[in-house]
Structure formats: structure tokens, C-alpha cells
């Protein structure tokens, strides 16, 4: 079926029409500060794209957080939209744009079925040992406090595509996927199933990101509010909007941070060192969760386009059997995919172009055909 994919992020909305064979025939990208396109721009774009495509059979929406309720894609009907909206408190940067997209499509294409596809759903297979926090039982039961994980659509694609690139069945592989962009996370995929990931209860945890801090001693937050008189709202805002690369180097764009580091700027050089150190440590942890690694995958805007960072990360992971070929690595940019491993490396390193749109389109087709589990 012909599927319109709506990927509403915190700064843009990407619309793609995916044909049954997987070709993307029409696309529109909208600027969306804070995830909200101006006025009725999204409704207009949806209507325009559907008309240009000669109509669409269904719409698939990327939704970051499904909480404990949604562990598989689901048709948006009944109270589903309201239940998704209630999860905003768990992903305040990402859930509102998805909800706005769902509502805009309902207005523009009222007779076309919509399916919500959740980034958290891929991680529903994590064992309890990986998803359970060592916090009071009442917090876990009453507030649903656990590791959910995110970027699941990207991790699902990255691991499956990597298996194709190395020519081995996915169910035989131990894959570590590093999806690195302004938001970033790593995932341990064993036999095609997520067994651990670096993001947690919210998308703030894990790796250093553009504006998010990643892992932080939780008592530091309590200390700031209780002893340094920093308002809770200020701490909350800073961890998501003023930390990460911005907090370290004053710049969110890794390309500019790398350029400043090359020019000798101290804060930028420190930011790169911290980013690389954290990436090495957490990728190694994901390899441990898999019981080893057969393939390391780089994807996302940074993962696909910063060979120098890929090389620096892998240089510290030689003990896992990983090594890259500098020439092959340098060529894998601007959407180019492939195996960039050094000859003789025991484990493979590959670069994969993230295609969440194809994962979403496939999930939509499966749900509407009745061949996928209900969310």
C-alpha cells in the first residue's frame, strides 16, 4: 500500500510518500521550531503531498514514547490519541510534535487510517535485568519508572540492514547499533531483538547529545535543587536544552564543534574528547549485553557523516576485535553505506543510512493487513 510517513521531530517535520516496493516518490520537509510548524502549514503540506501522490492508503506516524501501554504499532482510533498525549510528561521534547502531527493528519485526511509506530516498542524485548531500575517498588509500580529506550525504529533498521551488508542472517548476529545525531543512543541487538540500550526512562539518558546531557549522577540533580537553590524547572530545562555539546562547547552542531576543535579551541576539543569517551564506554557496555559483538553499526546524522569520530571511537574498541579501514571509512558519507572494516578485523564495522520511513511503512502495512501484533 502507498503510505504517507510523518516523522515529527523537535525541530522539523519530515513527510514521505512510500510506495509498496519501498520507493519514496514525494517528500516535504517543514521547519518546526519546538516541533510546531507555523499556522496550518502541516495540514496544508499533508494535503498537498497526498494530492501529488494521487492519494495515499494509510499514514504512519513516528511516535517517540509508547510507555508501557504501546509495545507494538497501533491504529489510531478510540482513545489512542489521548493515551499517547498523556505520555508527554515522559518525552516533553518529542511527544507534542507527534501528537500535533496525528491531529493535523486527522483533520487533513479524515478518511485515511493512521497508525502510530513507537520508538520504544523495539525495546519491549529487553530482559527485566536490563529494563528494571533499582529504585523503590512503589516508584516502579505507581509511576512506571523503568528503562524504556528510544530510537527503536532506527535501531531495528540499522541492525537488519547491517546483516544484509555483511551477508549473514540477523538472527545469528550480535549487533551493536550506534545511532548518533543531535539525539543519540546505542542498542544491543542479539538475534534481531533489543536486549539493552543506553537511553532510559526518558530520552535524556545515555550518550552525550547536542543539547542533552546523557548519563548523570541522579544525586547531582537533588543537590542542585536542595543545596544550590537552583529551581527544579531550571535544572529540567538545562539537562535537555543547555547541556551536551552546547554545555561543553557552546555549540550544538557537531560539524562546528569539530571545526573549532581542529582550530585548537579548548572547549571544543574537550567536548569531542568527552563525546568520544562516553561513546566508547557505552558501546562496550552494549557489546557486553550482547555477549560480544559481530557487527558495529554507525547511523544517524553524525554517525553517517563524521568519519573522524567513527575512527576515534573504534580505535578505543580494538579489544572487541573492531578496526576500520581509513580509506573506506572516509568514503562512507552523504548517504553512502557499506562495510568500513579493516582487513582481518574479527568484528565488522558498517555504516548504514537510517531509514525509519521504511520501517514505519512496513509496520503500517503489517498492522492494516492483520499480520502484526496489536499495540
Protein backbone atom coordinates (compact mmCIF):
# COMPACT_ATOMS: atom_id res chain seq x y z
CA UNK A 1 0.00 0.00 0.00
CA UNK A 2 1.03 3.61 -0.50
CA UNK A 3 1.92 5.08 2.90
CA UNK A 4 2.45 8.69 3.93
CA UNK A 5 5.08 8.70 6.69
CA UNK A 6 5.01 11.58 9.18
CA UNK A 7 8.20 11.94 11.21
CA UNK A 8 7.65 14.87 13.56
CA UNK A 9 10.80 15.86 15.42
CA UNK A 10 11.68 18.61 17.85
CA UNK A 11 12.85 20.98 15.09
CA UNK A 12 11.39 19.66 11.82
CA UNK A 13 8.63 17.55 10.32
CA UNK A 14 9.57 15.15 7.53
CA UNK A 15 6.82 13.88 5.23
CA UNK A 16 7.49 10.99 2.84
CA UNK A 17 5.24 9.02 0.49
CA UNK A 18 6.49 5.43 0.37
CA UNK A 19 5.28 3.19 -2.45
CA UNK A 20 4.59 -0.54 -1.94
CA UNK A 21 8.02 -1.51 -3.27
CA UNK A 22 9.75 0.93 -0.89
CA UNK A 23 10.47 3.84 -3.24
CA UNK A 24 10.00 7.33 -1.85
CA UNK A 25 8.19 9.29 -4.55
CA UNK A 26 7.21 12.51 -2.81
CA UNK A 27 8.68 14.40 0.13
CA UNK A 28 8.34 17.64 2.05
CA UNK A 29 10.43 18.87 4.98
CA UNK A 30 9.00 21.59 7.20
CA UNK A 31 10.84 23.75 9.69
CA UNK A 32 9.15 23.29 13.03
CA UNK A 33 10.68 25.25 15.92
CA UNK A 34 9.77 23.38 19.11
CA UNK A 35 8.14 20.81 16.84
CA UNK A 36 5.35 23.11 15.69
CA UNK A 37 5.15 24.26 12.03
CA UNK A 38 3.72 27.73 11.60
CA UNK A 39 -0.07 28.07 11.34
CA UNK A 40 -1.71 25.36 9.27
CA UNK A 41 1.49 24.54 7.38
CA UNK A 42 1.43 20.87 8.34
CA UNK A 43 -2.18 20.32 7.33
CA UNK A 44 -1.51 22.09 4.02
CA UNK A 45 1.63 20.03 3.38
CA UNK A 46 -0.16 16.75 4.12
CA UNK A 47 -3.00 17.63 1.78
CA UNK A 48 -0.61 18.80 -0.95
CA UNK A 49 1.57 15.70 -0.71
CA UNK A 50 -1.39 13.30 -0.75
CA UNK A 51 -2.78 15.00 -3.84
CA UNK A 52 0.57 14.95 -5.61
CA UNK A 53 0.87 11.23 -4.94
CA UNK A 54 -2.59 10.53 -6.31
CA UNK A 55 -3.85 9.64 -2.86
CA UNK A 56 -2.46 7.54 -0.02
CA UNK A 57 -3.82 4.36 1.53
CA UNK A 58 -2.61 4.98 5.07
CA UNK A 59 -0.48 7.26 7.23
CA UNK A 60 2.28 6.11 9.54
CA UNK A 61 3.42 8.33 12.39
CA UNK A 62 6.68 8.11 14.30
CA UNK A 63 5.85 8.45 17.99
CA UNK A 64 8.78 8.56 20.38
CA UNK A 65 7.16 7.25 23.57
CA UNK A 66 4.66 4.43 23.87
CA UNK A 67 5.09 3.93 27.60
CA UNK A 68 4.07 0.55 29.00
CA UNK A 69 0.78 0.57 27.06
CA UNK A 70 2.05 0.52 23.48
CA UNK A 71 4.58 -2.19 22.69
CA UNK A 72 3.66 -2.55 19.02
CA UNK A 73 2.25 -0.28 16.29
CA UNK A 74 -1.43 0.56 16.69
CA UNK A 75 -4.26 2.03 14.60
CA UNK A 76 -5.11 5.48 15.94
CA UNK A 77 -8.77 5.13 16.90
CA UNK A 78 -10.88 5.48 20.01
CA UNK A 79 -8.85 6.87 22.91
CA UNK A 80 -5.44 6.03 21.43
CA UNK A 81 -4.57 9.65 20.63
CA UNK A 82 -5.46 10.79 24.15
CA UNK A 83 -3.38 7.99 25.68
CA UNK A 84 -0.40 8.97 23.52
CA UNK A 85 -0.82 12.61 24.54
CA UNK A 86 -0.75 11.66 28.24
CA UNK A 87 2.77 10.32 27.74
CA UNK A 88 4.06 13.84 27.01
CA UNK A 89 5.43 14.11 30.56
CA UNK A 90 7.89 11.32 29.72
CA UNK A 91 9.16 12.87 26.47
CA UNK A 92 8.37 16.60 26.59
CA UNK A 93 10.62 17.45 23.63
CA UNK A 94 9.28 14.82 21.27
CA UNK A 95 5.76 13.76 22.17
CA UNK A 96 4.00 17.09 21.49
CA UNK A 97 5.15 17.23 17.82
CA UNK A 98 3.91 13.68 17.27
CA UNK A 99 0.55 14.48 18.84
CA UNK A 100 0.30 17.63 16.72
CA UNK A 101 1.06 15.54 13.63
CA UNK A 102 -1.60 13.00 14.49
CA UNK A 103 -4.17 15.73 14.91
CA UNK A 104 -3.14 17.55 11.73
CA UNK A 105 -3.45 14.38 9.64
CA UNK A 106 -6.82 13.58 11.18
CA UNK A 107 -8.00 16.99 10.01
CA UNK A 108 -6.43 16.87 6.54
CA UNK A 109 -7.15 13.20 5.73
CA UNK A 110 -10.11 12.18 7.90
CA UNK A 111 -10.95 9.08 5.86
CA UNK A 112 -7.40 7.66 5.73
CA UNK A 113 -6.33 5.30 8.57
CA UNK A 114 -3.41 6.40 10.73
CA UNK A 115 -1.04 4.04 12.52
CA UNK A 116 1.22 5.10 15.38
CA UNK A 117 4.66 3.46 15.31
CA UNK A 118 6.60 3.75 18.56
CA UNK A 119 10.33 4.19 19.09
CA UNK A 120 10.04 2.48 22.45
CA UNK A 121 8.33 -0.64 21.08
CA UNK A 122 11.51 -2.25 19.70
CA UNK A 123 12.91 -2.33 23.23
CA UNK A 124 9.94 -4.20 24.70
CA UNK A 125 12.03 -7.36 24.28
CA UNK A 126 14.67 -6.23 26.78
CA UNK A 127 15.00 -8.67 29.68
CA UNK A 128 13.89 -7.48 33.10
CA UNK A 129 17.51 -7.31 34.23
CA UNK A 130 18.15 -4.61 31.61
CA UNK A 131 14.90 -2.67 31.92
CA UNK A 132 14.44 -2.62 35.70
CA UNK A 133 15.74 0.25 37.82
CA UNK A 134 16.94 -0.41 41.35
CA UNK A 135 14.51 2.09 42.88
CA UNK A 136 11.64 1.69 45.38
CA UNK A 137 8.97 -0.75 44.24
CA UNK A 138 6.27 1.90 44.60
CA UNK A 139 8.05 4.08 42.02
CA UNK A 140 8.17 1.21 39.56
CA UNK A 141 4.55 0.18 40.12
CA UNK A 142 2.88 3.56 40.54
CA UNK A 143 4.92 5.70 38.18
CA UNK A 144 6.09 3.14 35.62
CA UNK A 145 9.71 4.01 36.33
CA UNK A 146 11.86 1.72 34.19
CA UNK A 147 14.16 1.82 31.19
CA UNK A 148 12.06 2.23 28.03
CA UNK A 149 14.70 3.05 25.42
CA UNK A 150 14.20 5.09 22.26
CA UNK A 151 15.29 5.31 18.59
CA UNK A 152 13.82 1.82 18.23
CA UNK A 153 12.75 2.33 14.62
CA UNK A 154 16.29 3.38 13.70
CA UNK A 155 17.86 0.52 15.67
CA UNK A 156 15.55 -2.00 14.01
CA UNK A 157 16.54 -0.75 10.57
CA UNK A 158 20.24 -0.42 11.40
CA UNK A 159 20.58 -3.96 12.68
CA UNK A 160 18.60 -5.52 9.81
CA UNK A 161 20.44 -3.53 7.15
CA UNK A 162 23.81 -4.36 8.70
CA UNK A 163 23.01 -8.06 8.42
CA UNK A 164 22.35 -7.55 4.72
CA UNK A 165 25.63 -5.69 4.25
CA UNK A 166 27.74 -8.38 5.92
CA UNK A 167 25.74 -11.16 4.27
CA UNK A 168 24.70 -13.04 7.40
CA UNK A 169 21.29 -13.84 8.92
CA UNK A 170 20.25 -11.29 11.53
CA UNK A 171 19.12 -13.98 13.96
CA UNK A 172 22.71 -15.27 14.12
CA UNK A 173 24.32 -11.91 14.87
CA UNK A 174 25.30 -9.85 17.89
CA UNK A 175 24.87 -6.29 16.66
CA UNK A 176 25.61 -3.00 18.42
CA UNK A 177 23.90 -0.06 16.74
CA UNK A 178 25.18 3.47 17.38
CA UNK A 179 22.51 5.88 16.17
CA UNK A 180 24.30 9.20 16.50
CA UNK A 181 22.70 12.55 15.75
CA UNK A 182 21.51 15.54 17.74
CA UNK A 183 19.82 12.83 19.78
CA UNK A 184 21.94 9.72 20.19
CA UNK A 185 21.65 6.23 21.60
CA UNK A 186 23.23 2.81 21.28
CA UNK A 187 21.43 -0.51 21.30
CA UNK A 188 22.45 -4.11 21.86
CA UNK A 189 20.63 -6.35 19.35
CA UNK A 190 21.01 -10.10 19.71
CA UNK A 191 19.19 -12.36 17.27
CA UNK A 192 17.28 -9.37 15.92
CA UNK A 193 15.89 -8.39 19.35
CA UNK A 194 16.82 -5.46 21.58
CA UNK A 195 18.46 -6.69 24.78
CA UNK A 196 19.69 -3.35 26.13
CA UNK A 197 20.01 0.30 25.17
CA UNK A 198 21.56 3.48 26.51
CA UNK A 199 18.51 5.75 26.78
CA UNK A 200 16.26 5.12 29.73
CA UNK A 201 13.05 6.37 31.34
CA UNK A 202 13.34 9.46 29.11
CA UNK A 203 15.46 10.29 26.04
CA UNK A 204 17.87 12.34 28.20
CA UNK A 205 19.96 9.39 29.39
CA UNK A 206 22.97 7.72 27.82
CA UNK A 207 25.36 9.27 25.31
CA UNK A 208 26.35 12.94 25.07
CA UNK A 209 23.96 14.64 22.64
CA UNK A 210 23.59 18.05 21.03
CA UNK A 211 21.76 19.67 23.94
CA UNK A 212 21.08 16.73 26.28
CA UNK A 213 23.49 15.69 29.00
CA UNK A 214 23.27 11.92 28.75
CA UNK A 215 24.08 9.93 31.88
CA UNK A 216 24.42 11.98 35.06
CA UNK A 217 24.64 11.13 38.74
CA UNK A 218 20.99 11.47 39.79
CA UNK A 219 22.02 12.88 43.16
CA UNK A 220 23.57 15.83 41.32
CA UNK A 221 20.05 16.95 40.41
CA UNK A 222 18.90 16.66 44.01
CA UNK A 223 21.99 18.54 45.19
CA UNK A 224 21.36 21.41 42.77
CA UNK A 225 17.76 21.81 43.91
CA UNK A 226 18.27 21.19 47.64
CA UNK A 227 21.64 22.80 48.31
CA UNK A 228 22.41 25.19 45.44
CA UNK A 229 18.90 26.69 45.27
CA UNK A 230 18.59 26.05 41.54
CA UNK A 231 14.87 25.84 40.69
CA UNK A 232 13.71 22.40 39.57
CA UNK A 233 12.32 23.82 36.33
CA UNK A 234 15.69 25.41 35.55
CA UNK A 235 17.52 22.13 36.13
CA UNK A 236 14.99 20.26 33.98
CA UNK A 237 15.38 22.77 31.14
CA UNK A 238 19.17 22.78 31.35
CA UNK A 239 19.53 19.00 31.16
CA UNK A 240 17.55 18.84 27.91
CA UNK A 241 18.30 22.20 26.27
CA UNK A 242 21.59 23.61 27.60
CA UNK A 243 23.76 20.54 28.16
CA UNK A 244 25.56 18.10 25.87
CA UNK A 245 27.67 19.76 23.20
CA UNK A 246 26.05 23.12 23.97
CA UNK A 247 27.02 22.86 27.60
CA UNK A 248 30.57 21.80 26.78
CA UNK A 249 31.38 23.88 23.71
CA UNK A 250 28.54 26.38 23.35
CA UNK A 251 27.54 24.82 20.03
CA UNK A 252 25.02 22.06 19.24
CA UNK A 253 26.16 21.24 15.69
CA UNK A 254 28.90 18.60 15.78
CA UNK A 255 30.28 19.85 12.46
CA UNK A 256 31.02 23.23 14.00
CA UNK A 257 32.38 21.65 17.17
CA UNK A 258 34.81 19.55 15.11
CA UNK A 259 35.90 22.60 13.10
CA UNK A 260 36.50 24.57 16.29
CA UNK A 261 38.42 21.65 17.80
CA UNK A 262 40.61 21.44 14.68
CA UNK A 263 41.29 25.16 15.10
CA UNK A 264 42.56 24.49 18.61
CA UNK A 265 39.60 25.85 20.59
CA UNK A 266 39.93 24.34 24.07
CA UNK A 267 36.25 23.88 24.93
CA UNK A 268 35.51 22.27 21.56
CA UNK A 269 38.43 19.87 21.94
CA UNK A 270 37.20 18.90 25.39
CA UNK A 271 33.67 18.41 24.04
CA UNK A 272 34.95 15.98 21.40
CA UNK A 273 37.02 14.10 23.98
CA UNK A 274 34.04 13.75 26.31
CA UNK A 275 31.77 12.68 23.44
CA UNK A 276 34.24 10.02 22.24
CA UNK A 277 34.96 8.75 25.75
CA UNK A 278 31.27 8.32 26.51
CA UNK A 279 30.61 6.66 23.15
CA UNK A 280 33.41 4.12 23.61
CA UNK A 281 32.31 3.24 27.13
CA UNK A 282 28.65 2.77 26.28
CA UNK A 283 29.24 0.88 23.04
CA UNK A 284 31.44 -1.50 25.00
CA UNK A 285 28.62 -1.89 27.53
CA UNK A 286 26.21 -2.77 24.73
CA UNK A 287 28.69 -5.36 23.43
CA UNK A 288 28.76 -6.85 26.92
CA UNK A 289 24.95 -7.04 26.95
CA UNK A 290 25.13 -8.99 23.67
CA UNK A 291 27.83 -11.33 24.95
CA UNK A 292 30.23 -9.93 22.36
CA UNK A 293 29.87 -8.15 19.04
CA UNK A 294 29.86 -9.38 15.46
CA UNK A 295 28.87 -6.06 13.84
CA UNK A 296 29.10 -2.44 15.00
CA UNK A 297 26.73 -0.12 13.12
CA UNK A 298 27.02 3.65 12.77
CA UNK A 299 23.93 5.58 11.66
CA UNK A 300 22.28 8.97 12.14
CA UNK A 301 23.49 12.38 11.02
CA UNK A 302 26.76 12.25 12.98
CA UNK A 303 27.26 8.51 12.68
CA UNK A 304 26.87 8.63 8.90
CA UNK A 305 28.87 11.77 8.18
CA UNK A 306 31.74 12.09 10.66
CA UNK A 307 34.43 9.54 9.69
CA UNK A 308 36.92 11.07 12.12
CA UNK A 309 34.58 10.34 15.03
CA UNK A 310 33.90 6.80 13.84
CA UNK A 311 37.64 6.14 13.67
CA UNK A 312 38.31 7.65 17.08
CA UNK A 313 35.55 5.65 18.70
CA UNK A 314 36.64 2.38 17.13
CA UNK A 315 40.31 3.00 17.98
CA UNK A 316 39.34 2.53 21.61
CA UNK A 317 37.38 -0.67 20.93
CA UNK A 318 40.12 -2.79 19.41
CA UNK A 319 39.82 -5.23 22.30
CA UNK A 320 36.41 -6.18 20.83
CA UNK A 321 38.01 -7.14 17.52
CA UNK A 322 36.96 -3.91 15.80
CA UNK A 323 39.09 -1.86 13.42
CA UNK A 324 38.29 0.40 10.48
CA UNK A 325 39.96 0.96 7.14
CA UNK A 326 40.66 4.72 6.90
CA UNK A 327 40.01 4.88 3.16
CA UNK A 328 36.72 3.00 3.25
CA UNK A 329 35.66 4.98 6.30
CA UNK A 330 36.39 8.33 4.69
CA UNK A 331 34.27 7.38 1.66
CA UNK A 332 31.22 6.45 3.74
CA UNK A 333 29.50 9.86 3.91
CA UNK A 334 26.46 11.62 2.40
CA UNK A 335 24.22 8.56 2.50
CA UNK A 336 26.84 6.07 1.32
CA UNK A 337 26.61 2.72 3.10
CA UNK A 338 28.99 -0.14 3.46
CA UNK A 339 31.49 -2.22 5.39
CA UNK A 340 34.34 0.02 6.55
CA UNK A 341 36.20 -2.66 8.48
CA UNK A 342 39.95 -3.03 8.28
CA UNK A 343 41.13 -6.20 6.52
CA UNK A 344 41.37 -9.03 9.00
CA UNK A 345 39.22 -7.39 11.68
CA UNK A 346 37.47 -10.06 13.74
CA UNK A 347 34.28 -7.99 14.00
CA UNK A 348 32.76 -5.84 11.26
CA UNK A 349 32.11 -2.11 11.32
CA UNK A 350 29.46 -0.83 8.92
CA UNK A 351 27.84 2.50 8.09
CA UNK A 352 24.08 2.41 7.50
CA UNK A 353 21.84 5.16 6.18
CA UNK A 354 18.97 5.46 8.66
CA UNK A 355 15.62 4.70 7.04
CA UNK A 356 12.96 4.98 9.72
CA UNK A 357 10.48 5.79 6.96
CA UNK A 358 10.74 2.27 5.51
CA UNK A 359 10.36 0.66 8.92
CA UNK A 360 7.25 2.75 9.58
CA UNK A 361 5.76 1.99 6.16
CA UNK A 362 6.33 -1.72 6.71
CA UNK A 363 4.74 -1.65 10.15
CA UNK A 364 1.71 0.23 8.80
CA UNK A 365 1.21 -2.34 6.05
CA UNK A 366 1.53 -5.23 8.51
CA UNK A 367 -0.90 -3.73 11.03
CA UNK A 368 -3.56 -2.95 8.46
CA UNK A 369 -3.13 -6.34 6.83
CA UNK A 370 -3.56 -8.01 10.21
CA UNK A 371 -0.12 -9.63 10.20
CA UNK A 372 1.38 -7.66 13.10
CA UNK A 373 0.55 -7.80 16.82
CA UNK A 374 -1.70 -5.04 18.12
CA UNK A 375 -0.16 -2.32 20.25
